[in-house]
C-alpha cells in the first residue's frame, strides 16, 4: 500500500525504511521484529510527548496553593541531579531521541518546581544558586568538541570523559531510588500526599514501565535498563500511596486547636461551678 509522502516520510523516519516496507507496503504482520520495534517507537514518542506536560499539573498545584506542602525538596533535588546526568549521558551516547527525550522536559519542569518550592519558602537566593548550578553541570557533562588531526582523523574530546560519564550514569540508579525514599517517607508520616499531583505520580509509573520495554527493544545498555526497572518499583509504591491516601487531608489538625477544643468544656464547667 502506497501512502502519501506527507505520511510516509515521518513514518519512515520513525520506524525506518525496512520496517515501513515490511509492515505498511507488504502487510507482513508476521515480522515480529518490526512489530516490536514499531510498538517501542510508538511508546517512546508517547512518553516523550507525555514528558512535556507530566509535571505541569504539579507546577499548577504549587502555584495555586502558594505552597509546596507535602512535596519533598530533597526528592526533587536528587531526581533533578539524576535527570541532568542521564540527559547528558544519552546525548553523548547518540541514543535515539525516542528513548530519552522526555528526560529533557522532565529536567526543565523539575527545575521550575525547585525554584517554586524555594521561592514560596522565602529562599530566592538559594533558588538562583541551585538553578544555575544544575544548568552549569548539564553543560559541562554534555559538552564535546571535535578537531581534525593531520592525517584527517576526526577526534572528539570532552571536558568529562565517556568513562567518567558512564560511571555517573550508573550512579543515577541509587540516586533515582533514593530520590523516591524521602517522598515515600513524607507521605507515610503525613498520612497524606499533600500538594503532590496524582496525574504526575500515575504517569511517572506508567512511563517508567513503558521505558523498560523501549530500552529492551532499542537500547542495549544494562545500566539504563537496571535504572528503569528499579525506578518502576519505587514509582509503583508512590502510586499505591496516592491511591491509599486519596481522600486524606494535607492539613492535619494542630495540637493547639485540639487542646483548646478539649479545654473548652472543662473551663465552661468551672465557670458554672463558680456561678453556683
C-alpha atoms as a PDB file:
ATOM      1  CA  UNK A   1       0.000   0.000   0.000  1.00  0.00           C
ATOM      2  CA  UNK A   2       1.374   3.384  -1.035  1.00  0.00           C
ATOM      3  CA  UNK A   3       0.773   6.216   1.413  1.00  0.00           C
ATOM      4  CA  UNK A   4       1.006   9.941   0.592  1.00  0.00           C
ATOM      5  CA  UNK A   5       4.506  11.362   1.030  1.00  0.00           C
ATOM      6  CA  UNK A   6       3.483  13.549   3.983  1.00  0.00           C
ATOM      7  CA  UNK A   7       2.537  10.370   5.882  1.00  0.00           C
ATOM      8  CA  UNK A   8       5.256   8.105   4.505  1.00  0.00           C
ATOM      9  CA  UNK A   9       8.138  10.468   5.253  1.00  0.00           C
ATOM     10  CA  UNK A  10       7.567  10.761   9.032  1.00  0.00           C
ATOM     11  CA  UNK A  11       6.635   7.053   9.245  1.00  0.00           C
ATOM     12  CA  UNK A  12       9.940   6.071   7.617  1.00  0.00           C
ATOM     13  CA  UNK A  13      11.767   8.481   9.915  1.00  0.00           C
ATOM     14  CA  UNK A  14      10.215   6.789  12.936  1.00  0.00           C
ATOM     15  CA  UNK A  15      10.394   3.061  12.140  1.00  0.00           C
ATOM     16  CA  UNK A  16      12.924   3.018   9.297  1.00  0.00           C
ATOM     17  CA  UNK A  17      12.685   2.114   5.606  1.00  0.00           C
ATOM     18  CA  UNK A  18      12.925  -1.647   6.163  1.00  0.00           C
ATOM     19  CA  UNK A  19      10.138  -1.904   8.742  1.00  0.00           C
ATOM     20  CA  UNK A  20       7.997   0.588   6.842  1.00  0.00           C
ATOM     21  CA  UNK A  21       8.178  -1.551   3.688  1.00  0.00           C
ATOM     22  CA  UNK A  22       7.555  -4.734   5.659  1.00  0.00           C
ATOM     23  CA  UNK A  23       4.593  -3.538   7.758  1.00  0.00           C
ATOM     24  CA  UNK A  24       2.933  -0.906   5.585  1.00  0.00           C
ATOM     25  CA  UNK A  25       3.673  -1.746   1.979  1.00  0.00           C
ATOM     26  CA  UNK A  26       3.955  -5.551   2.212  1.00  0.00           C
ATOM     27  CA  UNK A  27       1.424  -6.055   5.053  1.00  0.00           C
ATOM     28  CA  UNK A  28       3.859  -8.512   6.607  1.00  0.00           C
ATOM     29  CA  UNK A  29       2.377  -8.679  10.089  1.00  0.00           C
ATOM     30  CA  UNK A  30       4.400 -11.782  10.859  1.00  0.00           C
ATOM     31  CA  UNK A  31       7.501  -9.647  11.055  1.00  0.00           C
ATOM     32  CA  UNK A  32       7.786  -9.844  14.843  1.00  0.00           C
ATOM     33  CA  UNK A  33      10.958  -7.754  14.979  1.00  0.00           C
ATOM     34  CA  UNK A  34       9.398  -4.808  13.136  1.00  0.00           C
ATOM     35  CA  UNK A  35       6.156  -5.058  15.106  1.00  0.00           C
ATOM     36  CA  UNK A  36       8.057  -4.906  18.401  1.00  0.00           C
ATOM     37  CA  UNK A  37      10.204  -2.078  17.061  1.00  0.00           C
ATOM     38  CA  UNK A  38       7.138  -0.158  15.887  1.00  0.00           C
ATOM     39  CA  UNK A  39       5.420  -0.564  19.279  1.00  0.00           C
ATOM     40  CA  UNK A  40       8.587   0.589  21.021  1.00  0.00           C
ATOM     41  CA  UNK A  41       8.832   3.681  18.811  1.00  0.00           C
ATOM     42  CA  UNK A  42       5.160   4.479  19.397  1.00  0.00           C
ATOM     43  CA  UNK A  43       5.535   4.123  23.160  1.00  0.00           C
ATOM     44  CA  UNK A  44       8.738   6.123  23.107  1.00  0.00           C
ATOM     45  CA  UNK A  45       7.179   9.037  21.257  1.00  0.00           C
ATOM     46  CA  UNK A  46       4.142   8.869  23.544  1.00  0.00           C
ATOM     47  CA  UNK A  47       6.391   9.033  26.609  1.00  0.00           C
ATOM     48  CA  UNK A  48       8.314  11.982  25.168  1.00  0.00           C
ATOM     49  CA  UNK A  49       5.035  13.806  24.453  1.00  0.00           C
ATOM     50  CA  UNK A  50       3.754  12.964  27.936  1.00  0.00           C
ATOM     51  CA  UNK A  51       7.034  14.079  29.460  1.00  0.00           C
ATOM     52  CA  UNK A  52       6.459  17.552  28.051  1.00  0.00           C
ATOM     53  CA  UNK A  53       3.437  18.008  30.342  1.00  0.00           C
ATOM     54  CA  UNK A  54       3.816  15.329  33.022  1.00  0.00           C
ATOM     55  CA  UNK A  55       4.709  17.796  35.802  1.00  0.00           C
ATOM     56  CA  UNK A  56       2.625  20.733  34.633  1.00  0.00           C
ATOM     57  CA  UNK A  57      -0.261  19.729  36.995  1.00  0.00           C
ATOM     58  CA  UNK A  58       2.274  19.616  39.859  1.00  0.00           C
ATOM     59  CA  UNK A  59       3.501  23.106  38.978  1.00  0.00           C
ATOM     60  CA  UNK A  60      -0.073  24.402  38.791  1.00  0.00           C
ATOM     61  CA  UNK A  61      -0.962  22.901  42.199  1.00  0.00           C
ATOM     62  CA  UNK A  62       2.027  24.559  43.853  1.00  0.00           C
ATOM     63  CA  UNK A  63       1.321  27.945  42.237  1.00  0.00           C
ATOM     64  CA  UNK A  64      -2.376  27.847  43.113  1.00  0.00           C
ATOM     65  CA  UNK A  65      -1.682  26.880  46.726  1.00  0.00           C
ATOM     66  CA  UNK A  66       1.319  29.227  47.039  1.00  0.00           C
ATOM     67  CA  UNK A  67       2.811  26.289  48.884  1.00  0.00           C
ATOM     68  CA  UNK A  68       4.677  23.048  48.251  1.00  0.00           C
ATOM     69  CA  UNK A  69       3.434  21.365  51.431  1.00  0.00           C
ATOM     70  CA  UNK A  70       3.942  17.606  51.309  1.00  0.00           C
ATOM     71  CA  UNK A  71       6.379  17.821  48.373  1.00  0.00           C
ATOM     72  CA  UNK A  72       9.876  16.714  49.375  1.00  0.00           C
ATOM     73  CA  UNK A  73      12.641  19.163  48.407  1.00  0.00           C
ATOM     74  CA  UNK A  74      15.353  16.531  48.807  1.00  0.00           C
ATOM     75  CA  UNK A  75      13.442  14.185  46.489  1.00  0.00           C
ATOM     76  CA  UNK A  76      13.318  16.793  43.752  1.00  0.00           C
ATOM     77  CA  UNK A  77      16.976  17.728  44.243  1.00  0.00           C
ATOM     78  CA  UNK A  78      18.085  14.119  43.811  1.00  0.00           C
ATOM     79  CA  UNK A  79      15.710  13.474  40.913  1.00  0.00           C
ATOM     80  CA  UNK A  80      16.922  16.570  39.068  1.00  0.00           C
ATOM     81  CA  UNK A  81      20.554  15.571  39.612  1.00  0.00           C
ATOM     82  CA  UNK A  82      19.862  12.141  38.117  1.00  0.00           C
ATOM     83  CA  UNK A  83      17.926  13.669  35.197  1.00  0.00           C
ATOM     84  CA  UNK A  84      20.749  16.063  34.281  1.00  0.00           C
ATOM     85  CA  UNK A  85      23.311  13.228  34.294  1.00  0.00           C
ATOM     86  CA  UNK A  86      21.037  10.891  32.314  1.00  0.00           C
ATOM     87  CA  UNK A  87      20.278  13.572  29.731  1.00  0.00           C
ATOM     88  CA  UNK A  88      23.992  14.234  29.148  1.00  0.00           C
ATOM     89  CA  UNK A  89      24.799  10.503  29.004  1.00  0.00           C
ATOM     90  CA  UNK A  90      22.127   9.685  26.431  1.00  0.00           C
ATOM     91  CA  UNK A  91      23.082  12.722  24.358  1.00  0.00           C
ATOM     92  CA  UNK A  92      26.742  11.715  24.342  1.00  0.00           C
ATOM     93  CA  UNK A  93      25.818   8.098  23.509  1.00  0.00           C
ATOM     94  CA  UNK A  94      23.780   9.279  20.500  1.00  0.00           C
ATOM     95  CA  UNK A  95      20.827   7.179  21.656  1.00  0.00           C
ATOM     96  CA  UNK A  96      17.545   7.611  19.729  1.00  0.00           C
ATOM     97  CA  UNK A  97      15.618  10.642  20.986  1.00  0.00           C
ATOM     98  CA  UNK A  98      12.558   8.400  21.412  1.00  0.00           C
ATOM     99  CA  UNK A  99      14.394   6.550  24.215  1.00  0.00           C
ATOM    100  CA  UNK A 100      15.198   9.555  26.397  1.00  0.00           C
ATOM    101  CA  UNK A 101      13.525  12.699  25.018  1.00  0.00           C
ATOM    102  CA  UNK A 102      11.191  13.074  27.991  1.00  0.00           C
ATOM    103  CA  UNK A 103      14.220  13.463  30.269  1.00  0.00           C
ATOM    104  CA  UNK A 104      14.827  16.922  28.798  1.00  0.00           C
ATOM    105  CA  UNK A 105      11.276  18.083  29.521  1.00  0.00           C
ATOM    106  CA  UNK A 106      11.232  16.496  32.991  1.00  0.00           C
ATOM    107  CA  UNK A 107      14.520  18.225  33.866  1.00  0.00           C
ATOM    108  CA  UNK A 108      13.152  21.638  32.885  1.00  0.00           C
ATOM    109  CA  UNK A 109       9.933  21.057  34.850  1.00  0.00           C
ATOM    110  CA  UNK A 110      11.870  19.812  37.890  1.00  0.00           C
ATOM    111  CA  UNK A 111      13.957  22.998  37.871  1.00  0.00           C
ATOM    112  CA  UNK A 112      10.773  25.085  37.788  1.00  0.00           C
ATOM    113  CA  UNK A 113       9.323  23.116  40.724  1.00  0.00           C
ATOM    114  CA  UNK A 114      12.542  23.514  42.729  1.00  0.00           C
ATOM    115  CA  UNK A 115      12.535  27.266  42.143  1.00  0.00           C
ATOM    116  CA  UNK A 116       8.864  27.500  43.172  1.00  0.00           C
ATOM    117  CA  UNK A 117       9.396  25.431  46.319  1.00  0.00           C
ATOM    118  CA  UNK A 118      12.263  27.642  47.440  1.00  0.00           C
ATOM    119  CA  UNK A 119      10.506  30.847  46.370  1.00  0.00           C
ATOM    120  CA  UNK A 120       7.448  30.089  48.500  1.00  0.00           C
ATOM    121  CA  UNK A 121       9.801  29.298  51.387  1.00  0.00           C
ATOM    122  CA  UNK A 122      11.403  32.730  51.040  1.00  0.00           C
ATOM    123  CA  UNK A 123      14.722  31.337  49.763  1.00  0.00           C
ATOM    124  CA  UNK A 124      15.090  33.125  46.423  1.00  0.00           C
ATOM    125  CA  UNK A 125      18.896  33.339  46.603  1.00  0.00           C
ATOM    126  CA  UNK A 126      19.142  29.586  47.185  1.00  0.00           C
ATOM    127  CA  UNK A 127      16.782  29.011  44.259  1.00  0.00           C
ATOM    128  CA  UNK A 128      19.036  31.058  41.948  1.00  0.00           C
ATOM    129  CA  UNK A 129      22.173  29.202  43.071  1.00  0.00           C
ATOM    130  CA  UNK A 130      20.580  25.773  42.600  1.00  0.00           C
ATOM    131  CA  UNK A 131      19.174  26.670  39.175  1.00  0.00           C
ATOM    132  CA  UNK A 132      22.476  27.994  37.814  1.00  0.00           C
ATOM    133  CA  UNK A 133      24.424  25.059  39.324  1.00  0.00           C
ATOM    134  CA  UNK A 134      22.287  22.440  37.567  1.00  0.00           C
ATOM    135  CA  UNK A 135      22.437  24.303  34.249  1.00  0.00           C
ATOM    136  CA  UNK A 136      26.219  24.657  34.515  1.00  0.00           C
ATOM    137  CA  UNK A 137      26.628  20.968  35.379  1.00  0.00           C
ATOM    138  CA  UNK A 138      24.497  19.874  32.432  1.00  0.00           C
ATOM    139  CA  UNK A 139      26.572  21.998  30.061  1.00  0.00           C
ATOM    140  CA  UNK A 140      29.859  20.591  31.391  1.00  0.00           C
ATOM    141  CA  UNK A 141      28.734  16.952  31.190  1.00  0.00           C
ATOM    142  CA  UNK A 142      27.297  17.123  27.674  1.00  0.00           C
ATOM    143  CA  UNK A 143      29.789  19.471  26.020  1.00  0.00           C
ATOM    144  CA  UNK A 144      32.049  17.928  23.387  1.00  0.00           C
ATOM    145  CA  UNK A 145      34.337  19.334  20.731  1.00  0.00           C
ATOM    146  CA  UNK A 146      35.865  17.883  17.574  1.00  0.00           C
ATOM    147  CA  UNK A 147      39.120  18.574  15.793  1.00  0.00           C
ATOM    148  CA  UNK A 148      40.791  17.053  12.764  1.00  0.00           C
ATOM    149  CA  UNK A 149      44.279  15.632  13.072  1.00  0.00           C
ATOM    150  CA  UNK A 150      46.954  15.976  10.383  1.00  0.00           C
ATOM    151  CA  UNK A 151      46.097  12.536   8.999  1.00  0.00           C
ATOM    152  CA  UNK A 152      42.443  13.575   8.605  1.00  0.00           C
ATOM    153  CA  UNK A 153      41.144  11.629  11.600  1.00  0.00           C
ATOM    154  CA  UNK A 154      38.344  13.393  13.448  1.00  0.00           C
ATOM    155  CA  UNK A 155      38.836  13.263  17.208  1.00  0.00           C
ATOM    156  CA  UNK A 156      36.112  14.067  19.726  1.00  0.00           C
ATOM    157  CA  UNK A 157      37.098  15.439  23.111  1.00  0.00           C
ATOM    158  CA  UNK A 158      35.049  16.313  26.166  1.00  0.00           C
ATOM    159  CA  UNK A 159      35.549  18.016  29.499  1.00  0.00           C
ATOM    160  CA  UNK A 160      34.208  14.855  31.165  1.00  0.00           C
ATOM    161  CA  UNK A 161      35.416  11.555  29.712  1.00  0.00           C
ATOM    162  CA  UNK A 162      32.950   8.973  28.449  1.00  0.00           C
ATOM    163  CA  UNK A 163      34.140   6.549  31.125  1.00  0.00           C
ATOM    164  CA  UNK A 164      33.513   9.060  33.894  1.00  0.00           C
ATOM    165  CA  UNK A 165      30.094   9.887  32.460  1.00  0.00           C
ATOM    166  CA  UNK A 166      29.225   6.178  32.300  1.00  0.00           C
ATOM    167  CA  UNK A 167      30.130   5.917  35.997  1.00  0.00           C
ATOM    168  CA  UNK A 168      27.899   8.894  36.785  1.00  0.00           C
ATOM    169  CA  UNK A 169      25.074   7.294  34.792  1.00  0.00           C
ATOM    170  CA  UNK A 170      25.474   4.137  36.856  1.00  0.00           C
ATOM    171  CA  UNK A 171      25.329   6.320  39.979  1.00  0.00           C
ATOM    172  CA  UNK A 172      21.931   7.666  38.860  1.00  0.00           C
ATOM    173  CA  UNK A 173      20.422   4.278  39.739  1.00  0.00           C
ATOM    174  CA  UNK A 174      20.834   4.705  43.521  1.00  0.00           C
ATOM    175  CA  UNK A 175      20.284   8.475  43.194  1.00  0.00           C
ATOM    176  CA  UNK A 176      16.941   7.915  41.460  1.00  0.00           C
ATOM    177  CA  UNK A 177      15.910   5.345  44.019  1.00  0.00           C
ATOM    178  CA  UNK A 178      16.898   7.495  46.988  1.00  0.00           C
ATOM    179  CA  UNK A 179      15.062  10.423  45.394  1.00  0.00           C
ATOM    180  CA  UNK A 180      11.812   8.489  45.895  1.00  0.00           C
ATOM    181  CA  UNK A 181      12.528   7.482  49.502  1.00  0.00           C
ATOM    182  CA  UNK A 182      12.139  10.940  51.157  1.00  0.00           C
ATOM    183  CA  UNK A 183       8.812  11.454  49.357  1.00  0.00           C
ATOM    184  CA  UNK A 184       7.572   7.996  50.341  1.00  0.00           C
ATOM    185  CA  UNK A 185       8.531   8.695  53.979  1.00  0.00           C
ATOM    186  CA  UNK A 186       6.953  12.162  53.825  1.00  0.00           C
ATOM    187  CA  UNK A 187       3.682  10.682  52.576  1.00  0.00           C
ATOM    188  CA  UNK A 188       3.726   7.982  55.248  1.00  0.00           C
ATOM    189  CA  UNK A 189       4.433  10.433  58.100  1.00  0.00           C
ATOM    190  CA  UNK A 190       1.708  12.828  56.966  1.00  0.00           C
ATOM    191  CA  UNK A 191      -0.781  10.113  56.057  1.00  0.00           C
ATOM    192  CA  UNK A 192      -1.343  12.286  53.004  1.00  0.00           C
ATOM    193  CA  UNK A 193       0.234  13.184  49.666  1.00  0.00           C
ATOM    194  CA  UNK A 194      -0.126  16.933  50.259  1.00  0.00           C
ATOM    195  CA  UNK A 195       0.319  19.006  47.094  1.00  0.00           C
ATOM    196  CA  UNK A 196       1.521  16.026  45.047  1.00  0.00           C
ATOM    197  CA  UNK A 197      -0.230  15.704  41.693  1.00  0.00           C
ATOM    198  CA  UNK A 198      -1.986  12.383  41.023  1.00  0.00           C
ATOM    199  CA  UNK A 199      -1.553  12.929  37.260  1.00  0.00           C
ATOM    200  CA  UNK A 200       2.213  13.249  37.719  1.00  0.00           C
ATOM    201  CA  UNK A 201       2.573  10.238  40.002  1.00  0.00           C
ATOM    202  CA  UNK A 202       0.486   7.808  37.923  1.00  0.00           C
ATOM    203  CA  UNK A 203       2.055   8.964  34.646  1.00  0.00           C
ATOM    204  CA  UNK A 204       5.521   8.520  36.115  1.00  0.00           C
ATOM    205  CA  UNK A 205       4.682   4.934  36.984  1.00  0.00           C
ATOM    206  CA  UNK A 206       3.231   4.204  33.535  1.00  0.00           C
ATOM    207  CA  UNK A 207       6.121   5.957  31.827  1.00  0.00           C
ATOM    208  CA  UNK A 208       8.832   4.070  33.698  1.00  0.00           C
ATOM    209  CA  UNK A 209       7.046   0.789  32.935  1.00  0.00           C
ATOM    210  CA  UNK A 210       6.930   1.654  29.230  1.00  0.00           C
ATOM    211  CA  UNK A 211      10.589   2.723  29.317  1.00  0.00           C
ATOM    212  CA  UNK A 212      11.573  -0.791  30.394  1.00  0.00           C
ATOM    213  CA  UNK A 213      10.046  -2.088  27.146  1.00  0.00           C
ATOM    214  CA  UNK A 214      11.576   0.580  24.888  1.00  0.00           C
ATOM    215  CA  UNK A 215      15.016   0.115  26.454  1.00  0.00           C
ATOM    216  CA  UNK A 216      14.862  -3.650  25.983  1.00  0.00           C
ATOM    217  CA  UNK A 217      13.838  -3.155  22.352  1.00  0.00           C
ATOM    218  CA  UNK A 218      16.042  -0.286  21.224  1.00  0.00           C
ATOM    219  CA  UNK A 219      18.976   0.218  23.577  1.00  0.00           C
ATOM    220  CA  UNK A 220      21.482  -2.450  24.535  1.00  0.00           C
ATOM    221  CA  UNK A 221      22.533  -0.819  27.797  1.00  0.00           C
ATOM    222  CA  UNK A 222      22.199  -2.741  31.062  1.00  0.00           C
ATOM    223  CA  UNK A 223      22.888   0.400  33.121  1.00  0.00           C
ATOM    224  CA  UNK A 224      19.881   2.264  31.704  1.00  0.00           C
ATOM    225  CA  UNK A 225      17.659  -0.852  31.871  1.00  0.00           C
ATOM    226  CA  UNK A 226      18.517  -1.520  35.530  1.00  0.00           C
ATOM    227  CA  UNK A 227      17.682   2.072  36.402  1.00  0.00           C
ATOM    228  CA  UNK A 228      14.252   1.900  34.780  1.00  0.00           C
ATOM    229  CA  UNK A 229      13.433  -1.464  36.375  1.00  0.00           C
ATOM    230  CA  UNK A 230      14.186  -0.255  39.891  1.00  0.00           C
ATOM    231  CA  UNK A 231      12.567   3.127  39.267  1.00  0.00           C
ATOM    232  CA  UNK A 232       9.367   1.352  38.224  1.00  0.00           C
ATOM    233  CA  UNK A 233       9.211  -0.427  41.595  1.00  0.00           C
ATOM    234  CA  UNK A 234       9.530   2.812  43.590  1.00  0.00           C
ATOM    235  CA  UNK A 235       7.114   4.675  41.320  1.00  0.00           C
ATOM    236  CA  UNK A 236       4.657   1.848  41.971  1.00  0.00           C
ATOM    237  CA  UNK A 237       4.959   2.465  45.734  1.00  0.00           C
ATOM    238  CA  UNK A 238       4.241   6.179  45.237  1.00  0.00           C
ATOM    239  CA  UNK A 239       1.242   5.342  43.043  1.00  0.00           C
ATOM    240  CA  UNK A 240      -0.096   2.988  45.718  1.00  0.00           C
ATOM    241  CA  UNK A 241       0.331   5.715  48.355  1.00  0.00           C
ATOM    242  CA  UNK A 242      -1.524   8.173  46.137  1.00  0.00           C
ATOM    243  CA  UNK A 243      -4.428   5.705  45.888  1.00  0.00           C
ATOM    244  CA  UNK A 244      -4.318   4.846  49.615  1.00  0.00           C
ATOM    245  CA  UNK A 245      -4.255   8.466  50.827  1.00  0.00           C
ATOM    246  CA  UNK A 246      -6.564   9.767  48.093  1.00  0.00           C
ATOM    247  CA  UNK A 247      -9.139  11.446  50.349  1.00  0.00           C
ATOM    248  CA  UNK A 248      -6.821  12.285  53.241  1.00  0.00           C
ATOM    249  CA  UNK A 249      -6.415  15.950  54.127  1.00  0.00           C
ATOM    250  CA  UNK A 250      -2.983  17.504  53.773  1.00  0.00           C
ATOM    251  CA  UNK A 251      -3.707  19.862  56.684  1.00  0.00           C
ATOM    252  CA  UNK A 252      -3.660  17.845  59.930  1.00  0.00           C
ATOM    253  CA  UNK A 253      -5.407  19.333  62.921  1.00  0.00           C
ATOM    254  CA  UNK A 254      -2.985  21.302  65.078  1.00  0.00           C
ATOM    255  CA  UNK A 255      -2.402  20.262  68.668  1.00  0.00           C
ATOM    256  CA  UNK A 256      -3.179  23.774  69.918  1.00  0.00           C
ATOM    257  CA  UNK A 257      -6.595  23.642  68.333  1.00  0.00           C
ATOM    258  CA  UNK A 258      -7.212  20.177  69.692  1.00  0.00           C
ATOM    259  CA  UNK A 259      -6.105  21.325  73.138  1.00  0.00           C
ATOM    260  CA  UNK A 260      -8.333  24.373  73.111  1.00  0.00           C
ATOM    261  CA  UNK A 261     -11.317  22.386  71.951  1.00  0.00           C
ATOM    262  CA  UNK A 262     -10.795  19.927  74.754  1.00  0.00           C
ATOM    263  CA  UNK A 263     -10.232  22.642  77.310  1.00  0.00           C
ATOM    264  CA  UNK A 264     -13.385  24.459  76.317  1.00  0.00           C
ATOM    265  CA  UNK A 265     -15.914  22.201  78.083  1.00  0.00           C
ATOM    266  CA  UNK A 266     -13.829  21.916  81.275  1.00  0.00           C
ATOM    267  CA  UNK A 267     -13.452  25.687  81.511  1.00  0.00           C
ATOM    268  CA  UNK A 268     -17.197  26.012  80.999  1.00  0.00           C
ATOM    269  CA  UNK A 269     -17.839  23.610  83.881  1.00  0.00           C
ATOM    270  CA  UNK A 270     -15.542  25.639  86.127  1.00  0.00           C
ATOM    271  CA  UNK A 271     -17.436  28.789  85.315  1.00  0.00           C
ATOM    272  CA  UNK A 272     -20.728  27.051  86.083  1.00  0.00           C
ATOM    273  CA  UNK A 273     -19.428  25.928  89.476  1.00  0.00           C
ATOM    274  CA  UNK A 274     -18.312  29.464  90.289  1.00  0.00           C
ATOM    275  CA  UNK A 275     -21.751  30.770  89.398  1.00  0.00           C
ATOM    276  CA  UNK A 276     -23.298  28.138  91.644  1.00  0.00           C
END
